[in-house]
PDB file of all heavy atoms in Angstrom:
ATOM      1  N   GLU A   1      84.650  74.337 137.223  1.00  0.00           N
ATOM      2  CA  GLU A   1      84.045  75.606 136.863  1.00  0.00           C
ATOM      3  C   GLU A   1      85.049  76.403 136.042  1.00  0.00           C
ATOM      4  O   GLU A   1      86.178  75.863 135.817  1.00  0.00           O
ATOM      5  CB  GLU A   1      83.573  76.370 138.144  1.00  0.00           C
ATOM      6  CG  GLU A   1      84.712  76.699 139.083  1.00  0.00           C
ATOM      7  CD  GLU A   1      84.215  77.337 140.351  1.00  0.00           C
ATOM      8  OE1 GLU A   1      83.129  77.861 140.387  1.00  0.00           O
ATOM      9  OE2 GLU A   1      85.013  77.297 141.313  1.00  0.00           O
ATOM     10  N   LEU A   2      84.670  77.560 135.520  1.00  0.00           N
ATOM     11  CA  LEU A   2      85.584  78.360 134.762  1.00  0.00           C
ATOM     12  C   LEU A   2      86.844  78.653 135.594  1.00  0.00           C
ATOM     13  O   LEU A   2      86.721  79.030 136.748  1.00  0.00           O
ATOM     14  CB  LEU A   2      84.949  79.597 134.295  1.00  0.00           C
ATOM     15  CG  LEU A   2      83.742  79.378 133.354  1.00  0.00           C
ATOM     16  CD1 LEU A   2      83.189  80.779 132.976  1.00  0.00           C
ATOM     17  CD2 LEU A   2      84.161  78.665 132.102  1.00  0.00           C
ATOM     18  N   GLY A   3      88.015  78.488 135.028  1.00  0.00           N
ATOM     19  CA  GLY A   3      89.230  78.753 135.730  1.00  0.00           C
ATOM     20  C   GLY A   3      89.872  77.514 136.378  1.00  0.00           C
ATOM     21  O   GLY A   3      90.993  77.548 136.884  1.00  0.00           O
ATOM     22  N   THR A   4      89.205  76.400 136.382  1.00  0.00           N
ATOM     23  CA  THR A   4      89.702  75.175 136.974  1.00  0.00           C
ATOM     24  C   THR A   4      90.804  74.657 136.141  1.00  0.00           C
ATOM     25  O   THR A   4      90.747  74.686 134.929  1.00  0.00           O
ATOM     26  CB  THR A   4      88.578  74.100 137.149  1.00  0.00           C
ATOM     27  OG1 THR A   4      87.531  74.648 137.964  1.00  0.00           O
ATOM     28  CG2 THR A   4      89.057  72.826 137.767  1.00  0.00           C
ATOM     29  N   ILE A   5      91.870  74.091 136.736  1.00  0.00           N
ATOM     30  CA  ILE A   5      92.979  73.532 136.009  1.00  0.00           C
ATOM     31  C   ILE A   5      92.709  72.015 135.800  1.00  0.00           C
ATOM     32  O   ILE A   5      92.366  71.268 136.713  1.00  0.00           O
ATOM     33  CB  ILE A   5      94.307  73.684 136.856  1.00  0.00           C
ATOM     34  CG1 ILE A   5      94.527  75.122 137.237  1.00  0.00           C
ATOM     35  CG2 ILE A   5      95.465  73.037 136.081  1.00  0.00           C
ATOM     36  CD1 ILE A   5      94.633  76.082 136.087  1.00  0.00           C
ATOM     37  N   VAL A   6      92.820  71.568 134.529  1.00  0.00           N
ATOM     38  CA  VAL A   6      92.635  70.168 134.138  1.00  0.00           C
ATOM     39  C   VAL A   6      93.834  69.663 133.326  1.00  0.00           C
ATOM     40  O   VAL A   6      94.594  70.430 132.878  1.00  0.00           O
ATOM     41  CB  VAL A   6      91.356  69.933 133.392  1.00  0.00           C
ATOM     42  CG1 VAL A   6      90.139  70.324 134.320  1.00  0.00           C
ATOM     43  CG2 VAL A   6      91.303  70.757 132.117  1.00  0.00           C
ATOM     44  N   ILE A   7      93.887  68.327 133.251  1.00  0.00           N
ATOM     45  CA  ILE A   7      94.985  67.671 132.447  1.00  0.00           C
ATOM     46  C   ILE A   7      94.342  67.049 131.286  1.00  0.00           C
ATOM     47  O   ILE A   7      93.272  66.463 131.391  1.00  0.00           O
ATOM     48  CB  ILE A   7      95.649  66.629 133.248  1.00  0.00           C
ATOM     49  CG1 ILE A   7      96.213  67.183 134.572  1.00  0.00           C
ATOM     50  CG2 ILE A   7      96.805  65.911 132.451  1.00  0.00           C
ATOM     51  CD1 ILE A   7      97.354  68.117 134.452  1.00  0.00           C
ATOM     52  N   TYR A   8      94.918  67.251 130.088  1.00  0.00           N
ATOM     53  CA  TYR A   8      94.439  66.665 128.852  1.00  0.00           C
ATOM     54  C   TYR A   8      95.727  66.270 128.039  1.00  0.00           C
ATOM     55  O   TYR A   8      96.535  67.149 127.762  1.00  0.00           O
ATOM     56  CB  TYR A   8      93.617  67.642 128.070  1.00  0.00           C
ATOM     57  CG  TYR A   8      93.162  67.153 126.736  1.00  0.00           C
ATOM     58  CD1 TYR A   8      92.220  66.093 126.554  1.00  0.00           C
ATOM     59  CD2 TYR A   8      93.626  67.708 125.564  1.00  0.00           C
ATOM     60  CE1 TYR A   8      91.850  65.647 125.358  1.00  0.00           C
ATOM     61  CE2 TYR A   8      93.164  67.278 124.286  1.00  0.00           C
ATOM     62  CZ  TYR A   8      92.308  66.187 124.221  1.00  0.00           C
ATOM     63  OH  TYR A   8      91.892  65.830 122.959  1.00  0.00           O
ATOM     64  N   ARG A   9      95.877  65.016 127.759  1.00  0.00           N
ATOM     65  CA  ARG A   9      97.028  64.479 127.031  1.00  0.00           C
ATOM     66  C   ARG A   9      98.323  64.968 127.644  1.00  0.00           C
ATOM     67  O   ARG A   9      99.233  65.476 127.029  1.00  0.00           O
ATOM     68  CB  ARG A   9      97.014  64.934 125.565  1.00  0.00           C
ATOM     69  CG  ARG A   9      95.855  64.312 124.843  1.00  0.00           C
ATOM     70  CD  ARG A   9      95.922  64.506 123.329  1.00  0.00           C
ATOM     71  NE  ARG A   9      94.749  63.893 122.677  1.00  0.00           N
ATOM     72  CZ  ARG A   9      94.504  64.066 121.357  1.00  0.00           C
ATOM     73  NH1 ARG A   9      95.278  64.906 120.641  1.00  0.00           N
ATOM     74  NH2 ARG A   9      93.461  63.489 120.857  1.00  0.00           N
ATOM     75  N   LYS A  10      98.446  64.853 128.967  1.00  0.00           N
ATOM     76  CA  LYS A  10      99.626  65.112 129.776  1.00  0.00           C
ATOM     77  C   LYS A  10     100.062  66.633 129.813  1.00  0.00           C
ATOM     78  O   LYS A  10     101.112  66.985 130.167  1.00  0.00           O
ATOM     79  CB  LYS A  10     100.781  64.265 129.338  1.00  0.00           C
ATOM     80  CG  LYS A  10     100.550  62.772 129.417  1.00  0.00           C
ATOM     81  CD  LYS A  10     101.754  62.008 129.031  1.00  0.00           C
ATOM     82  CE  LYS A  10     101.463  60.511 128.990  1.00  0.00           C
ATOM     83  NZ  LYS A  10     102.532  59.694 128.527  1.00  0.00           N
ATOM     84  N   LYS A  11      99.124  67.486 129.428  1.00  0.00           N
ATOM     85  CA  LYS A  11      99.329  68.950 129.469  1.00  0.00           C
ATOM     86  C   LYS A  11      98.331  69.593 130.338  1.00  0.00           C
ATOM     87  O   LYS A  11      97.187  69.191 130.395  1.00  0.00           O
ATOM     88  CB  LYS A  11      99.397  69.517 128.078  1.00  0.00           C
ATOM     89  CG  LYS A  11     100.456  69.023 127.202  1.00  0.00           C
ATOM     90  CD  LYS A  11     100.479  69.688 125.841  1.00  0.00           C
ATOM     91  CE  LYS A  11     101.579  69.202 124.981  1.00  0.00           C
ATOM     92  NZ  LYS A  11     101.511  69.750 123.622  1.00  0.00           N
ATOM     93  N   GLN A  12      98.697  70.667 130.977  1.00  0.00           N
ATOM     94  CA  GLN A  12      97.768  71.475 131.821  1.00  0.00           C
ATOM     95  C   GLN A  12      97.039  72.520 130.966  1.00  0.00           C
ATOM     96  O   GLN A  12      97.602  73.159 130.137  1.00  0.00           O
ATOM     97  CB  GLN A  12      98.464  72.136 132.966  1.00  0.00           C
ATOM     98  CG  GLN A  12      98.821  71.329 134.152  1.00  0.00           C
ATOM     99  CD  GLN A  12      99.344  72.115 135.240  1.00  0.00           C
ATOM    100  OE1 GLN A  12      99.371  73.393 135.184  1.00  0.00           O
ATOM    101  NE2 GLN A  12      99.610  71.505 136.383  1.00  0.00           N
ATOM    102  N   TYR A  13      95.725  72.631 131.315  1.00  0.00           N
ATOM    103  CA  TYR A  13      94.867  73.633 130.720  1.00  0.00           C
ATOM    104  C   TYR A  13      94.009  74.332 131.798  1.00  0.00           C
ATOM    105  O   TYR A  13      93.663  73.658 132.813  1.00  0.00           O
ATOM    106  CB  TYR A  13      93.904  73.002 129.674  1.00  0.00           C
ATOM    107  CG  TYR A  13      94.663  72.472 128.465  1.00  0.00           C
ATOM    108  CD1 TYR A  13      95.169  71.199 128.472  1.00  0.00           C
ATOM    109  CD2 TYR A  13      94.772  73.245 127.311  1.00  0.00           C
ATOM    110  CE1 TYR A  13      95.846  70.691 127.372  1.00  0.00           C
ATOM    111  CE2 TYR A  13      95.467  72.734 126.167  1.00  0.00           C
ATOM    112  CZ  TYR A  13      95.972  71.487 126.248  1.00  0.00           C
ATOM    113  OH  TYR A  13      96.647  70.942 125.089  1.00  0.00           O
ATOM    114  N   LYS A  14      93.666  75.571 131.579  1.00  0.00           N
ATOM    115  CA  LYS A  14      92.739  76.203 132.443  1.00  0.00           C
ATOM    116  C   LYS A  14      91.434  76.357 131.656  1.00  0.00           C
ATOM    117  O   LYS A  14      91.423  76.870 130.530  1.00  0.00           O
ATOM    118  CB  LYS A  14      93.258  77.625 132.803  1.00  0.00           C
ATOM    119  CG  LYS A  14      92.309  78.414 133.754  1.00  0.00           C
ATOM    120  CD  LYS A  14      93.030  79.677 134.204  1.00  0.00           C
ATOM    121  CE  LYS A  14      93.035  80.702 133.058  1.00  0.00           C
ATOM    122  NZ  LYS A  14      93.483  82.020 133.607  1.00  0.00           N
ATOM    123  N   ILE A  15      90.319  75.889 132.261  1.00  0.00           N
ATOM    124  CA  ILE A  15      89.034  75.822 131.605  1.00  0.00           C
ATOM    125  C   ILE A  15      88.628  77.279 131.345  1.00  0.00           C
ATOM    126  O   ILE A  15      88.511  78.134 132.325  1.00  0.00           O
ATOM    127  CB  ILE A  15      87.972  75.042 132.416  1.00  0.00           C
ATOM    128  CG1 ILE A  15      88.378  73.594 132.487  1.00  0.00           C
ATOM    129  CG2 ILE A  15      86.592  75.235 131.819  1.00  0.00           C
ATOM    130  CD1 ILE A  15      87.472  72.718 133.278  1.00  0.00           C
ATOM    131  N   CYS A  16      88.121  77.582 130.092  1.00  0.00           N
ATOM    132  CA  CYS A  16      87.676  78.867 129.688  1.00  0.00           C
ATOM    133  C   CYS A  16      86.264  78.739 129.187  1.00  0.00           C
ATOM    134  O   CYS A  16      85.576  79.838 129.003  1.00  0.00           O
ATOM    135  CB  CYS A  16      88.589  79.542 128.702  1.00  0.00           C
ATOM    136  SG  CYS A  16      88.778  78.661 127.183  1.00  0.00           S
ATOM    137  N   HIS A  17      85.786  77.544 128.935  1.00  0.00           N
ATOM    138  CA  HIS A  17      84.414  77.363 128.352  1.00  0.00           C
ATOM    139  C   HIS A  17      83.889  76.017 128.739  1.00  0.00           C
ATOM    140  O   HIS A  17      84.602  75.012 128.559  1.00  0.00           O
ATOM    141  CB  HIS A  17      84.427  77.506 126.868  1.00  0.00           C
ATOM    142  CG  HIS A  17      83.103  77.379 126.189  1.00  0.00           C
ATOM    143  ND1 HIS A  17      82.162  78.343 126.148  1.00  0.00           N
ATOM    144  CD2 HIS A  17      82.576  76.262 125.567  1.00  0.00           C
ATOM    145  CE1 HIS A  17      81.120  77.851 125.508  1.00  0.00           C
ATOM    146  NE2 HIS A  17      81.310  76.619 125.147  1.00  0.00           N
ATOM    147  N   ILE A  18      82.697  75.936 129.186  1.00  0.00           N
ATOM    148  CA  ILE A  18      82.047  74.607 129.528  1.00  0.00           C
ATOM    149  C   ILE A  18      80.811  74.546 128.630  1.00  0.00           C
ATOM    150  O   ILE A  18      79.952  75.404 128.708  1.00  0.00           O
ATOM    151  CB  ILE A  18      81.728  74.524 130.994  1.00  0.00           C
ATOM    152  CG1 ILE A  18      82.877  74.673 131.870  1.00  0.00           C
ATOM    153  CG2 ILE A  18      80.909  73.191 131.273  1.00  0.00           C
ATOM    154  CD1 ILE A  18      82.636  74.755 133.346  1.00  0.00           C
ATOM    155  N   GLN A  19      80.698  73.445 127.859  1.00  0.00           N
ATOM    156  CA  GLN A  19      79.586  73.254 127.008  1.00  0.00           C
ATOM    157  C   GLN A  19      78.463  72.641 127.838  1.00  0.00           C
ATOM    158  O   GLN A  19      78.657  71.603 128.471  1.00  0.00           O
ATOM    159  CB  GLN A  19      79.880  72.339 125.809  1.00  0.00           C
ATOM    160  CG  GLN A  19      78.720  72.192 124.884  1.00  0.00           C
ATOM    161  CD  GLN A  19      79.092  71.416 123.649  1.00  0.00           C
ATOM    162  OE1 GLN A  19      80.341  71.288 123.326  1.00  0.00           O
ATOM    163  NE2 GLN A  19      78.133  70.862 122.995  1.00  0.00           N
ATOM    164  N   ILE A  20      77.266  73.137 127.800  1.00  0.00           N
ATOM    165  CA  ILE A  20      76.121  72.677 128.476  1.00  0.00           C
ATOM    166  C   ILE A  20      75.695  71.433 127.774  1.00  0.00           C
ATOM    167  O   ILE A  20      75.381  71.505 126.554  1.00  0.00           O
ATOM    168  CB  ILE A  20      74.947  73.682 128.575  1.00  0.00           C
ATOM    169  CG1 ILE A  20      75.438  74.968 129.230  1.00  0.00           C
ATOM    170  CG2 ILE A  20      73.743  73.112 129.271  1.00  0.00           C
ATOM    171  CD1 ILE A  20      75.791  74.880 130.669  1.00  0.00           C
ATOM    172  N   PRO A  21      75.623  70.259 128.373  1.00  0.00           N
ATOM    173  CA  PRO A  21      75.253  69.043 127.689  1.00  0.00           C
ATOM    174  C   PRO A  21      73.788  69.095 127.329  1.00  0.00           C
ATOM    175  O   PRO A  21      72.901  69.683 127.995  1.00  0.00           O
ATOM    176  CB  PRO A  21      75.452  67.952 128.743  1.00  0.00           C
ATOM    177  CG  PRO A  21      75.413  68.631 130.062  1.00  0.00           C
ATOM    178  CD  PRO A  21      75.925  70.008 129.827  1.00  0.00           C
ATOM    179  N   PHE A  22      73.491  68.513 126.141  1.00  0.00           N
ATOM    180  CA  PHE A  22      72.076  68.385 125.648  1.00  0.00           C
ATOM    181  C   PHE A  22      71.482  67.178 126.345  1.00  0.00           C
ATOM    182  O   PHE A  22      71.947  66.105 126.221  1.00  0.00           O
ATOM    183  CB  PHE A  22      72.032  68.316 124.137  1.00  0.00           C
ATOM    184  CG  PHE A  22      70.686  68.222 123.584  1.00  0.00           C
ATOM    185  CD1 PHE A  22      69.869  69.364 123.559  1.00  0.00           C
ATOM    186  CD2 PHE A  22      70.185  67.043 123.168  1.00  0.00           C
ATOM    187  CE1 PHE A  22      68.606  69.286 123.048  1.00  0.00           C
ATOM    188  CE2 PHE A  22      68.879  66.949 122.664  1.00  0.00           C
ATOM    189  CZ  PHE A  22      68.122  68.010 122.618  1.00  0.00           C
ATOM    190  N   GLY A  23      70.399  67.454 127.005  1.00  0.00           N
ATOM    191  CA  GLY A  23      69.739  66.271 127.695  1.00  0.00           C
ATOM    192  C   GLY A  23      70.421  65.968 129.060  1.00  0.00           C
ATOM    193  O   GLY A  23      71.307  66.657 129.463  1.00  0.00           O
ATOM    194  N   LEU A  24      69.895  64.918 129.642  1.00  0.00           N
ATOM    195  CA  LEU A  24      70.489  64.560 130.994  1.00  0.00           C
ATOM    196  C   LEU A  24      71.634  63.613 130.759  1.00  0.00           C
ATOM    197  O   LEU A  24      71.440  62.387 130.748  1.00  0.00           O
ATOM    198  CB  LEU A  24      69.355  63.908 131.814  1.00  0.00           C
ATOM    199  CG  LEU A  24      68.180  64.832 132.175  1.00  0.00           C
ATOM    200  CD1 LEU A  24      67.155  64.038 132.887  1.00  0.00           C
ATOM    201  CD2 LEU A  24      68.687  65.983 133.050  1.00  0.00           C
ATOM    202  N   SER A  25      72.771  64.131 130.577  1.00  0.00           N
ATOM    203  CA  SER A  25      74.025  63.363 130.363  1.00  0.00           C
ATOM    204  C   SER A  25      74.807  63.236 131.750  1.00  0.00           C
ATOM    205  O   SER A  25      75.021  64.214 132.420  1.00  0.00           O
ATOM    206  CB  SER A  25      74.929  64.020 129.341  1.00  0.00           C
ATOM    207  OG  SER A  25      76.080  63.334 129.184  1.00  0.00           O
ATOM    208  N   LEU A  26      75.289  62.004 132.043  1.00  0.00           N
ATOM    209  CA  LEU A  26      76.022  61.793 133.202  1.00  0.00           C
ATOM    210  C   LEU A  26      77.583  61.828 132.854  1.00  0.00           C
ATOM    211  O   LEU A  26      78.397  61.741 133.731  1.00  0.00           O
ATOM    212  CB  LEU A  26      75.665  60.412 133.857  1.00  0.00           C
ATOM    213  CG  LEU A  26      74.220  60.303 134.340  1.00  0.00           C
ATOM    214  CD1 LEU A  26      74.021  58.930 134.897  1.00  0.00           C
ATOM    215  CD2 LEU A  26      73.931  61.359 135.397  1.00  0.00           C
ATOM    216  N   ASP A  27      77.875  61.969 131.550  1.00  0.00           N
ATOM    217  CA  ASP A  27      79.277  61.949 131.157  1.00  0.00           C
ATOM    218  C   ASP A  27      79.914  63.289 131.499  1.00  0.00           C
ATOM    219  O   ASP A  27      79.227  64.265 131.860  1.00  0.00           O
ATOM    220  CB  ASP A  27      79.375  61.796 129.651  1.00  0.00           C
ATOM    221  CG  ASP A  27      78.799  60.465 129.197  1.00  0.00           C
ATOM    222  OD1 ASP A  27      78.801  59.493 130.018  1.00  0.00           O
ATOM    223  OD2 ASP A  27      78.383  60.313 128.041  1.00  0.00           O
ATOM    224  N   LYS A  28      81.173  63.367 131.421  1.00  0.00           N
ATOM    225  CA  LYS A  28      81.934  64.614 131.657  1.00  0.00           C
ATOM    226  C   LYS A  28      81.533  65.610 130.552  1.00  0.00           C
ATOM    227  O   LYS A  28      81.361  65.231 129.399  1.00  0.00           O
ATOM    228  CB  LYS A  28      83.411  64.396 131.502  1.00  0.00           C
ATOM    229  CG  LYS A  28      84.080  63.627 132.652  1.00  0.00           C
ATOM    230  CD  LYS A  28      85.513  63.500 132.437  1.00  0.00           C
ATOM    231  CE  LYS A  28      86.164  62.739 133.486  1.00  0.00           C
ATOM    232  NZ  LYS A  28      87.626  62.643 133.168  1.00  0.00           N
ATOM    233  N   PRO A  29      81.294  66.854 130.928  1.00  0.00           N
ATOM    234  CA  PRO A  29      80.993  67.876 129.884  1.00  0.00           C
ATOM    235  C   PRO A  29      82.161  68.157 129.068  1.00  0.00           C
ATOM    236  O   PRO A  29      83.320  68.057 129.431  1.00  0.00           O
ATOM    237  CB  PRO A  29      80.587  69.098 130.810  1.00  0.00           C
ATOM    238  CG  PRO A  29      81.321  68.884 132.100  1.00  0.00           C
ATOM    239  CD  PRO A  29      81.401  67.459 132.287  1.00  0.00           C
ATOM    240  N   TRP A  30      81.963  68.576 127.843  1.00  0.00           N
ATOM    241  CA  TRP A  30      82.976  69.002 126.903  1.00  0.00           C
ATOM    242  C   TRP A  30      83.413  70.421 127.330  1.00  0.00           C
ATOM    243  O   TRP A  30      82.571  71.244 127.633  1.00  0.00           O
ATOM    244  CB  TRP A  30      82.531  69.017 125.454  1.00  0.00           C
ATOM    245  CG  TRP A  30      82.428  67.656 124.879  1.00  0.00           C
ATOM    246  CD1 TRP A  30      82.351  66.445 125.539  1.00  0.00           C
ATOM    247  CD2 TRP A  30      82.399  67.301 123.519  1.00  0.00           C
ATOM    248  NE1 TRP A  30      82.315  65.389 124.667  1.00  0.00           N
ATOM    249  CE2 TRP A  30      82.306  65.933 123.409  1.00  0.00           C
ATOM    250  CE3 TRP A  30      82.443  68.089 122.378  1.00  0.00           C
ATOM    251  CZ2 TRP A  30      82.236  65.253 122.170  1.00  0.00           C
ATOM    252  CZ3 TRP A  30      82.406  67.466 121.101  1.00  0.00           C
ATOM    253  CH2 TRP A  30      82.321  66.030 121.015  1.00  0.00           C
ATOM    254  N   VAL A  31      84.735  70.560 127.343  1.00  0.00           N
ATOM    255  CA  VAL A  31      85.262  71.914 127.795  1.00  0.00           C
ATOM    256  C   VAL A  31      86.321  72.380 126.747  1.00  0.00           C
ATOM    257  O   VAL A  31      86.817  71.598 125.989  1.00  0.00           O
ATOM    258  CB  VAL A  31      85.871  71.833 129.188  1.00  0.00           C
ATOM    259  CG1 VAL A  31      84.838  71.391 130.239  1.00  0.00           C
ATOM    260  CG2 VAL A  31      87.089  70.876 129.226  1.00  0.00           C
ATOM    261  N   LYS A  32      86.611  73.648 126.828  1.00  0.00           N
ATOM    262  CA  LYS A  32      87.705  74.331 126.118  1.00  0.00           C
ATOM    263  C   LYS A  32      88.602  74.848 127.209  1.00  0.00           C
ATOM    264  O   LYS A  32      88.190  75.303 128.255  1.00  0.00           O
ATOM    265  CB  LYS A  32      87.163  75.397 125.194  1.00  0.00           C
ATOM    266  CG  LYS A  32      86.362  74.959 124.007  1.00  0.00           C
ATOM    267  CD  LYS A  32      86.060  76.137 123.154  1.00  0.00           C
ATOM    268  CE  LYS A  32      85.278  75.694 121.933  1.00  0.00           C
ATOM    269  NZ  LYS A  32      84.936  76.799 121.056  1.00  0.00           N
ATOM    270  N   GLY A  33      89.932  74.795 126.904  1.00  0.00           N
ATOM    271  CA  GLY A  33      90.845  75.274 127.852  1.00  0.00           C
ATOM    272  C   GLY A  33      92.011  76.103 127.238  1.00  0.00           C
ATOM    273  O   GLY A  33      92.286  75.854 126.006  1.00  0.00           O
TER     274      GLY A  33
END
């Protein structure tokens, strides 16, 4: 959810935006951090 800590390319990021997937996607949602 917003504020969750994630790892991307060995660096930590705090999620600030979650993109709502178009259609019924089971993949990970695209996020900004």
